Amino acid sequence: MSGPDTKGTVDETTLPALKEAAIGQYEARFWSPDLNVPASKKYVADFEKKFGYTPSFYGAQSYDAIMLIDSAVRGTKGNLKDTQALVREMRKANYNSVRGKFQFNNNQHPIQDFYLLQAVKADNKDGVAMKILQKAFEKHQDAYHQDCKMKW
C-alpha cells in the first residue's frame, strides 16, 4: 500500500496506522485541522492538548453539532418545552462553527465550503498530515435542495 494507489479513506483516524503509505492520497471534505478559522484553531488546539492527537473531521462535525444545539438552548434561555422556538434558534445557527460561517439551506442541509486535501509529510509524531490544497466548492448546496418540499 503506497501513495495514490492506496484505497479507502485517508484521514486523521487512519493516518496513525498508514503513516508514509498515505502520502500523496487525496481527500475532499468540509473541514481539516489546518483550516484557518478561529473556532477551528481553538478546537484543534484544545483537542490536541487534552487527548494528545489530532482530531478527525468526524470529531469536528460532532463538536459543531453540539455547539449548534448549545446555541439553540441558549437562544431559548433553556426553555426546551417551546419546541418551535428551539427550531427557530437551531435554524439561526448562531455560533462560531469550526467550518466558518454556518447556515442551513431550505432542506435543512448545510451550505458549506469543501476542500481538496492531500496527505503530506509533516513534522509530527506520525510524520504525515492532511493539508488543504485548495477550496473545491464555496458555499456548496446539495444537488436536490431546489426539489425539496420543506418550507421554513
N, C-alpha and C. Protein backbone atom coordinates (compact mmCIF):
# COMPACT_ATOMS: atom_id res chain seq x y z
N MET A 1 0.84 -1.16 0.00
CA MET A 1 0.00 0.00 0.00
C MET A 1 0.90 1.23 0.00
N SER A 2 0.76 2.07 -1.02
CA SER A 2 1.55 3.29 -1.02
C SER A 2 0.96 4.32 -1.96
N GLY A 3 1.20 5.59 -1.61
CA GLY A 3 0.86 6.71 -2.45
C GLY A 3 -0.56 6.70 -2.99
N PRO A 4 -0.72 7.24 -4.21
CA PRO A 4 -2.05 7.41 -4.78
C PRO A 4 -2.79 6.11 -5.06
N ASP A 5 -2.15 4.96 -4.98
CA ASP A 5 -2.83 3.70 -5.23
C ASP A 5 -3.54 3.16 -3.99
N THR A 6 -3.33 3.79 -2.84
CA THR A 6 -3.95 3.35 -1.60
C THR A 6 -5.46 3.49 -1.73
N LYS A 7 -6.21 2.48 -1.29
CA LYS A 7 -7.68 2.52 -1.35
C LYS A 7 -8.24 2.83 0.03
N GLY A 8 -9.39 3.45 0.07
CA GLY A 8 -10.06 3.73 1.33
C GLY A 8 -9.88 5.16 1.78
N THR A 9 -10.43 5.44 2.91
CA THR A 9 -10.39 6.79 3.47
C THR A 9 -9.04 7.07 4.11
N VAL A 10 -8.51 8.21 3.81
CA VAL A 10 -7.29 8.68 4.46
C VAL A 10 -7.67 9.95 5.21
N ASP A 11 -7.64 9.85 6.53
CA ASP A 11 -7.97 10.99 7.38
C ASP A 11 -7.24 10.84 8.70
N GLU A 12 -7.56 11.68 9.64
CA GLU A 12 -6.85 11.68 10.91
C GLU A 12 -7.07 10.40 11.72
N THR A 13 -8.10 9.63 11.39
CA THR A 13 -8.31 8.36 12.10
C THR A 13 -7.44 7.24 11.53
N THR A 14 -7.07 7.34 10.25
CA THR A 14 -6.27 6.29 9.62
C THR A 14 -4.80 6.66 9.45
N LEU A 15 -4.48 7.94 9.48
CA LEU A 15 -3.09 8.37 9.30
C LEU A 15 -2.11 7.75 10.29
N PRO A 16 -2.47 7.61 11.57
CA PRO A 16 -1.51 7.00 12.51
C PRO A 16 -1.11 5.57 12.11
N ALA A 17 -1.98 4.84 11.45
CA ALA A 17 -1.65 3.48 11.02
C ALA A 17 -0.99 3.47 9.64
N LEU A 18 -1.45 4.34 8.75
CA LEU A 18 -0.92 4.35 7.38
C LEU A 18 0.45 5.02 7.28
N LYS A 19 0.63 6.05 8.09
CA LYS A 19 1.88 6.84 8.09
C LYS A 19 2.31 7.19 6.67
N GLU A 20 3.55 6.88 6.28
CA GLU A 20 4.07 7.27 4.97
C GLU A 20 3.34 6.65 3.80
N ALA A 21 2.64 5.53 4.03
CA ALA A 21 1.88 4.90 2.94
C ALA A 21 0.75 5.80 2.46
N ALA A 22 0.33 6.76 3.29
CA ALA A 22 -0.76 7.65 2.93
C ALA A 22 -0.31 8.83 2.07
N ILE A 23 0.99 9.12 2.07
CA ILE A 23 1.48 10.32 1.39
C ILE A 23 1.07 10.31 -0.08
N GLY A 24 0.49 11.43 -0.48
CA GLY A 24 0.03 11.59 -1.86
C GLY A 24 -1.46 11.37 -2.03
N GLN A 25 -2.11 10.73 -1.06
CA GLN A 25 -3.55 10.47 -1.15
C GLN A 25 -4.33 11.77 -1.04
N TYR A 26 -5.46 11.81 -1.75
CA TYR A 26 -6.36 12.96 -1.73
C TYR A 26 -7.61 12.64 -0.93
N GLU A 27 -8.22 13.69 -0.42
CA GLU A 27 -9.46 13.59 0.32
C GLU A 27 -10.21 14.89 0.08
N ALA A 28 -11.51 14.82 0.02
CA ALA A 28 -12.34 16.03 -0.10
C ALA A 28 -13.32 16.04 1.07
N ARG A 29 -13.39 17.19 1.72
CA ARG A 29 -14.31 17.31 2.86
C ARG A 29 -14.51 18.77 3.24
N PHE A 30 -15.40 18.98 4.21
CA PHE A 30 -15.78 20.34 4.63
C PHE A 30 -14.87 20.91 5.69
N TRP A 31 -13.98 20.10 6.26
CA TRP A 31 -13.15 20.57 7.36
C TRP A 31 -11.82 19.82 7.38
N SER A 32 -10.82 20.48 7.88
CA SER A 32 -9.50 19.88 8.07
C SER A 32 -8.85 20.58 9.26
N PRO A 33 -7.99 19.88 10.00
CA PRO A 33 -7.34 20.51 11.15
C PRO A 33 -6.54 21.76 10.82
N ASP A 34 -6.14 21.92 9.56
CA ASP A 34 -5.38 23.12 9.19
C ASP A 34 -6.26 24.24 8.63
N LEU A 35 -7.58 24.11 8.77
CA LEU A 35 -8.49 25.16 8.30
C LEU A 35 -8.25 26.44 9.09
N ASN A 36 -8.11 27.54 8.39
CA ASN A 36 -7.80 28.83 9.01
C ASN A 36 -9.08 29.55 9.44
N VAL A 37 -9.71 29.02 10.46
CA VAL A 37 -10.94 29.57 11.04
C VAL A 37 -10.71 29.63 12.55
N PRO A 38 -10.96 30.77 13.19
CA PRO A 38 -10.68 30.89 14.63
C PRO A 38 -11.29 29.76 15.49
N ALA A 39 -12.54 29.42 15.28
CA ALA A 39 -13.17 28.37 16.09
C ALA A 39 -12.50 27.02 15.85
N SER A 40 -12.06 26.79 14.62
CA SER A 40 -11.38 25.53 14.29
C SER A 40 -10.01 25.47 14.95
N LYS A 41 -9.27 26.56 14.89
CA LYS A 41 -7.96 26.59 15.51
C LYS A 41 -8.06 26.32 17.02
N LYS A 42 -9.05 26.93 17.67
CA LYS A 42 -9.25 26.72 19.10
C LYS A 42 -9.63 25.26 19.36
N TYR A 43 -10.53 24.73 18.57
CA TYR A 43 -10.97 23.34 18.74
C TYR A 43 -9.78 22.39 18.61
N VAL A 44 -8.98 22.55 17.57
CA VAL A 44 -7.83 21.67 17.35
C VAL A 44 -6.83 21.78 18.50
N ALA A 45 -6.51 22.99 18.90
CA ALA A 45 -5.54 23.19 20.00
C ALA A 45 -6.05 22.57 21.30
N ASP A 46 -7.31 22.82 21.63
CA ASP A 46 -7.90 22.26 22.86
C ASP A 46 -7.95 20.74 22.80
N PHE A 47 -8.33 20.20 21.65
CA PHE A 47 -8.42 18.75 21.50
C PHE A 47 -7.05 18.11 21.64
N GLU A 48 -6.05 18.65 20.93
CA GLU A 48 -4.70 18.09 20.99
C GLU A 48 -4.12 18.17 22.40
N LYS A 49 -4.39 19.27 23.09
CA LYS A 49 -3.90 19.43 24.46
C LYS A 49 -4.51 18.37 25.38
N LYS A 50 -5.80 18.12 25.22
CA LYS A 50 -6.49 17.19 26.10
C LYS A 50 -6.22 15.72 25.76
N PHE A 51 -6.20 15.39 24.45
CA PHE A 51 -6.12 13.99 24.06
C PHE A 51 -4.77 13.56 23.49
N GLY A 52 -3.93 14.51 23.08
CA GLY A 52 -2.60 14.18 22.61
C GLY A 52 -2.51 13.70 21.17
N TYR A 53 -3.57 13.91 20.41
CA TYR A 53 -3.53 13.57 18.98
C TYR A 53 -4.45 14.52 18.22
N THR A 54 -4.35 14.50 16.90
CA THR A 54 -5.10 15.40 16.04
C THR A 54 -6.54 14.92 15.88
N PRO A 55 -7.51 15.82 16.03
CA PRO A 55 -8.90 15.41 15.84
C PRO A 55 -9.21 15.13 14.37
N SER A 56 -10.19 14.28 14.15
CA SER A 56 -10.65 13.98 12.79
C SER A 56 -11.83 14.88 12.44
N PHE A 57 -12.21 14.87 11.18
CA PHE A 57 -13.37 15.66 10.79
C PHE A 57 -14.66 15.08 11.37
N TYR A 58 -14.66 13.81 11.73
CA TYR A 58 -15.82 13.23 12.42
C TYR A 58 -16.00 13.92 13.77
N GLY A 59 -14.91 14.10 14.48
CA GLY A 59 -14.96 14.80 15.76
C GLY A 59 -15.35 16.25 15.59
N ALA A 60 -14.82 16.90 14.56
CA ALA A 60 -15.15 18.30 14.31
C ALA A 60 -16.63 18.45 14.01
N GLN A 61 -17.18 17.52 13.25
CA GLN A 61 -18.60 17.56 12.92
C GLN A 61 -19.44 17.37 14.18
N SER A 62 -19.04 16.45 15.04
CA SER A 62 -19.76 16.22 16.30
C SER A 62 -19.67 17.45 17.20
N TYR A 63 -18.49 18.04 17.28
CA TYR A 63 -18.30 19.25 18.08
C TYR A 63 -19.19 20.36 17.56
N ASP A 64 -19.22 20.53 16.24
CA ASP A 64 -20.07 21.55 15.62
C ASP A 64 -21.54 21.31 15.97
N ALA A 65 -21.96 20.06 15.92
CA ALA A 65 -23.37 19.75 16.22
C ALA A 65 -23.73 20.12 17.65
N ILE A 66 -22.85 19.81 18.59
CA ILE A 66 -23.17 20.14 19.98
C ILE A 66 -23.13 21.65 20.20
N MET A 67 -22.25 22.35 19.50
CA MET A 67 -22.23 23.81 19.62
C MET A 67 -23.49 24.43 19.02
N LEU A 68 -24.01 23.84 17.95
CA LEU A 68 -25.27 24.28 17.36
C LEU A 68 -26.41 24.09 18.35
N ILE A 69 -26.47 22.91 18.95
CA ILE A 69 -27.52 22.63 19.93
C ILE A 69 -27.40 23.59 21.12
N ASP A 70 -26.18 23.81 21.58
CA ASP A 70 -25.95 24.74 22.68
C ASP A 70 -26.44 26.14 22.33
N SER A 71 -26.19 26.58 21.10
CA SER A 71 -26.64 27.92 20.69
C SER A 71 -28.16 28.02 20.71
N ALA A 72 -28.82 26.94 20.32
CA ALA A 72 -30.29 26.94 20.32
C ALA A 72 -30.84 26.95 21.74
N VAL A 73 -30.23 26.16 22.63
CA VAL A 73 -30.66 26.13 24.03
C VAL A 73 -30.46 27.51 24.66
N ARG A 74 -29.32 28.12 24.39
CA ARG A 74 -29.06 29.47 24.92
C ARG A 74 -30.05 30.48 24.33
N GLY A 75 -30.35 30.32 23.03
CA GLY A 75 -31.28 31.23 22.37
C GLY A 75 -32.69 31.17 22.93
N THR A 76 -33.06 30.02 23.49
CA THR A 76 -34.39 29.86 24.11
C THR A 76 -34.31 30.08 25.62
N LYS A 77 -33.13 30.47 26.10
CA LYS A 77 -32.89 30.65 27.54
C LYS A 77 -33.23 29.39 28.33
N GLY A 78 -32.99 28.24 27.68
CA GLY A 78 -33.19 26.96 28.34
C GLY A 78 -34.61 26.43 28.31
N ASN A 79 -35.51 27.14 27.66
CA ASN A 79 -36.90 26.71 27.60
C ASN A 79 -37.07 25.67 26.49
N LEU A 80 -36.77 24.41 26.79
CA LEU A 80 -36.83 23.35 25.79
C LEU A 80 -38.25 22.88 25.52
N LYS A 81 -39.21 23.31 26.32
CA LYS A 81 -40.60 22.95 26.07
C LYS A 81 -41.17 23.70 24.88
N ASP A 82 -40.59 24.86 24.58
CA ASP A 82 -41.03 25.64 23.41
C ASP A 82 -40.27 25.13 22.19
N THR A 83 -40.74 24.04 21.63
CA THR A 83 -40.02 23.38 20.54
C THR A 83 -39.95 24.25 19.28
N GLN A 84 -40.98 25.06 19.04
CA GLN A 84 -40.93 25.94 17.86
C GLN A 84 -39.82 26.97 18.00
N ALA A 85 -39.65 27.51 19.18
CA ALA A 85 -38.56 28.46 19.43
C ALA A 85 -37.21 27.77 19.30
N LEU A 86 -37.14 26.55 19.79
CA LEU A 86 -35.89 25.78 19.68
C LEU A 86 -35.51 25.56 18.22
N VAL A 87 -36.48 25.21 17.40
CA VAL A 87 -36.24 25.01 15.96
C VAL A 87 -35.81 26.33 15.32
N ARG A 88 -36.49 27.42 15.66
CA ARG A 88 -36.10 28.73 15.12
C ARG A 88 -34.65 29.07 15.47
N GLU A 89 -34.28 28.81 16.72
CA GLU A 89 -32.91 29.09 17.15
C GLU A 89 -31.90 28.17 16.46
N MET A 90 -32.26 26.91 16.25
CA MET A 90 -31.36 25.99 15.53
C MET A 90 -31.12 26.50 14.11
N ARG A 91 -32.17 26.95 13.47
CA ARG A 91 -32.04 27.44 12.08
C ARG A 91 -31.13 28.66 12.00
N LYS A 92 -31.08 29.46 13.05
CA LYS A 92 -30.20 30.64 13.06
C LYS A 92 -28.73 30.24 13.03
N ALA A 93 -28.41 29.09 13.60
CA ALA A 93 -27.01 28.64 13.70
C ALA A 93 -26.13 29.77 14.21
N ASN A 94 -26.51 30.32 15.35
CA ASN A 94 -25.85 31.47 15.94
C ASN A 94 -24.69 31.03 16.84
N TYR A 95 -23.62 30.56 16.21
CA TYR A 95 -22.44 30.11 16.96
C TYR A 95 -21.23 30.18 16.05
N ASN A 96 -20.06 30.06 16.63
CA ASN A 96 -18.82 30.08 15.85
C ASN A 96 -18.47 28.66 15.44
N SER A 97 -18.78 28.33 14.21
CA SER A 97 -18.56 26.99 13.70
C SER A 97 -17.10 26.75 13.35
N VAL A 98 -16.65 25.50 13.53
CA VAL A 98 -15.29 25.14 13.11
C VAL A 98 -15.16 25.19 11.60
N ARG A 99 -16.27 25.27 10.88
CA ARG A 99 -16.27 25.33 9.41
C ARG A 99 -16.21 26.76 8.90
N GLY A 100 -16.38 27.73 9.76
CA GLY A 100 -16.57 29.11 9.34
C GLY A 100 -18.05 29.43 9.45
N LYS A 101 -18.52 30.45 8.75
CA LYS A 101 -19.94 30.82 8.82
C LYS A 101 -20.80 29.62 8.45
N PHE A 102 -21.71 29.26 9.34
CA PHE A 102 -22.58 28.09 9.12
C PHE A 102 -24.00 28.56 8.88
N GLN A 103 -24.62 27.98 7.87
CA GLN A 103 -26.03 28.26 7.62
C GLN A 103 -26.68 27.04 6.99
N PHE A 104 -27.99 26.94 7.23
CA PHE A 104 -28.77 25.86 6.65
C PHE A 104 -29.42 26.30 5.36
N ASN A 105 -29.59 25.35 4.47
CA ASN A 105 -30.34 25.58 3.24
C ASN A 105 -31.82 25.31 3.51
N ASN A 106 -32.66 25.52 2.52
CA ASN A 106 -34.10 25.30 2.69
C ASN A 106 -34.45 23.86 3.04
N ASN A 107 -33.58 22.90 2.72
CA ASN A 107 -33.86 21.49 3.01
C ASN A 107 -33.12 21.00 4.24
N GLN A 108 -32.66 21.93 5.07
CA GLN A 108 -32.01 21.63 6.34
C GLN A 108 -30.58 21.09 6.20
N HIS A 109 -30.03 21.01 5.00
CA HIS A 109 -28.64 20.61 4.80
C HIS A 109 -27.77 21.86 4.89
N PRO A 110 -26.53 21.72 5.33
CA PRO A 110 -25.67 22.91 5.42
C PRO A 110 -25.27 23.44 4.04
N ILE A 111 -25.12 24.74 3.99
CA ILE A 111 -24.46 25.39 2.85
C ILE A 111 -23.04 25.58 3.34
N GLN A 112 -22.07 24.96 2.68
CA GLN A 112 -20.72 24.96 3.24
C GLN A 112 -19.66 24.83 2.15
N ASP A 113 -18.46 25.22 2.52
CA ASP A 113 -17.32 25.07 1.63
C ASP A 113 -16.80 23.64 1.73
N PHE A 114 -16.18 23.18 0.65
CA PHE A 114 -15.48 21.90 0.64
C PHE A 114 -14.06 22.14 0.15
N TYR A 115 -13.14 21.33 0.64
CA TYR A 115 -11.73 21.50 0.35
C TYR A 115 -11.12 20.22 -0.21
N LEU A 116 -10.14 20.39 -1.07
CA LEU A 116 -9.33 19.27 -1.55
C LEU A 116 -8.09 19.21 -0.66
N LEU A 117 -7.87 18.05 -0.04
CA LEU A 117 -6.73 17.85 0.85
C LEU A 117 -5.82 16.78 0.29
N GLN A 118 -4.60 16.77 0.75
CA GLN A 118 -3.66 15.73 0.38
C GLN A 118 -2.83 15.35 1.61
N ALA A 119 -2.54 14.08 1.73
CA ALA A 119 -1.66 13.60 2.79
C ALA A 119 -0.23 13.97 2.42
N VAL A 120 0.45 14.67 3.31
CA VAL A 120 1.81 15.14 3.06
C VAL A 120 2.70 14.80 4.26
N LYS A 121 4.01 14.82 4.01
CA LYS A 121 4.95 14.64 5.12
C LYS A 121 4.78 15.81 6.08
N ALA A 122 4.89 15.50 7.37
CA ALA A 122 4.68 16.54 8.38
C ALA A 122 5.63 16.33 9.55
N ASP A 123 5.87 17.40 10.26
CA ASP A 123 6.72 17.36 11.44
C ASP A 123 5.85 17.09 12.67
N ASN A 124 5.32 15.87 12.73
CA ASN A 124 4.52 15.45 13.88
C ASN A 124 4.88 14.00 14.21
N LYS A 125 4.23 13.42 15.21
CA LYS A 125 4.62 12.08 15.65
C LYS A 125 4.37 10.99 14.60
N ASP A 126 3.42 11.21 13.69
CA ASP A 126 3.14 10.23 12.64
C ASP A 126 3.93 10.49 11.36
N GLY A 127 4.49 11.69 11.25
CA GLY A 127 5.26 12.04 10.07
C GLY A 127 4.42 12.36 8.85
N VAL A 128 3.10 12.47 9.05
CA VAL A 128 2.19 12.74 7.94
C VAL A 128 0.96 13.48 8.46
N ALA A 129 0.38 14.34 7.62
CA ALA A 129 -0.82 15.08 7.99
C ALA A 129 -1.60 15.40 6.72
N MET A 130 -2.86 15.68 6.89
CA MET A 130 -3.68 16.13 5.78
C MET A 130 -3.50 17.64 5.66
N LYS A 131 -3.35 18.11 4.42
CA LYS A 131 -3.14 19.54 4.17
C LYS A 131 -4.14 20.01 3.12
N ILE A 132 -4.75 21.16 3.38
CA ILE A 132 -5.66 21.74 2.39
C ILE A 132 -4.84 22.22 1.20
N LEU A 133 -5.19 21.75 0.01
CA LEU A 133 -4.54 22.22 -1.21
C LEU A 133 -5.30 23.40 -1.81
N GLN A 134 -6.63 23.30 -1.79
CA GLN A 134 -7.44 24.37 -2.36
C GLN A 134 -8.89 24.20 -1.95
N LYS A 135 -9.64 25.29 -2.07
CA LYS A 135 -11.08 25.22 -1.84
C LYS A 135 -11.69 24.64 -3.12
N ALA A 136 -12.44 23.56 -2.98
CA ALA A 136 -13.04 22.90 -4.13
C ALA A 136 -14.42 23.47 -4.46
N PHE A 137 -15.19 23.79 -3.42
CA PHE A 137 -16.52 24.38 -3.58
C PHE A 137 -16.72 25.45 -2.53
N GLU A 138 -17.29 26.56 -2.94
CA GLU A 138 -17.60 27.62 -1.99
C GLU A 138 -19.11 27.70 -1.83
N LYS A 139 -19.57 27.72 -0.57
CA LYS A 139 -20.99 27.78 -0.25
C LYS A 139 -21.78 26.74 -1.05
N HIS A 140 -21.28 25.52 -1.02
CA HIS A 140 -21.90 24.43 -1.78
C HIS A 140 -23.27 24.07 -1.21
N GLN A 141 -24.21 23.88 -2.13
CA GLN A 141 -25.55 23.44 -1.77
C GLN A 141 -25.76 22.07 -2.40
N ASP A 142 -26.42 21.18 -1.66
CA ASP A 142 -26.61 19.85 -2.23
C ASP A 142 -27.45 19.94 -3.51
N ALA A 143 -27.31 18.96 -4.37
CA ALA A 143 -27.88 18.99 -5.71
C ALA A 143 -29.41 18.98 -5.73
N TYR A 144 -30.05 18.56 -4.66
CA TYR A 144 -31.51 18.40 -4.69
C TYR A 144 -32.26 19.43 -3.86
N HIS A 145 -31.59 20.44 -3.38
CA HIS A 145 -32.25 21.39 -2.49
C HIS A 145 -33.43 22.09 -3.14
N GLN A 146 -33.36 22.33 -4.44
CA GLN A 146 -34.47 23.01 -5.14
C GLN A 146 -35.71 22.14 -5.23
N ASP A 147 -35.52 20.81 -5.17
CA ASP A 147 -36.66 19.89 -5.26
C ASP A 147 -37.31 19.63 -3.90
N CYS A 148 -36.72 20.10 -2.86
CA CYS A 148 -37.22 19.83 -1.52
C CYS A 148 -38.53 20.57 -1.27
N LYS A 149 -39.48 19.89 -0.69
CA LYS A 149 -40.80 20.48 -0.41
C LYS A 149 -40.84 21.16 0.95
N MET A 150 -39.76 21.06 1.73
CA MET A 150 -39.77 21.69 3.04
C MET A 150 -39.82 23.20 2.90
N LYS A 151 -40.54 23.83 3.78
CA LYS A 151 -40.63 25.29 3.81
C LYS A 151 -40.25 25.76 5.19
N TRP A 152 -39.59 26.90 5.26
CA TRP A 152 -39.17 27.44 6.55
C TRP A 152 -40.32 28.08 7.24
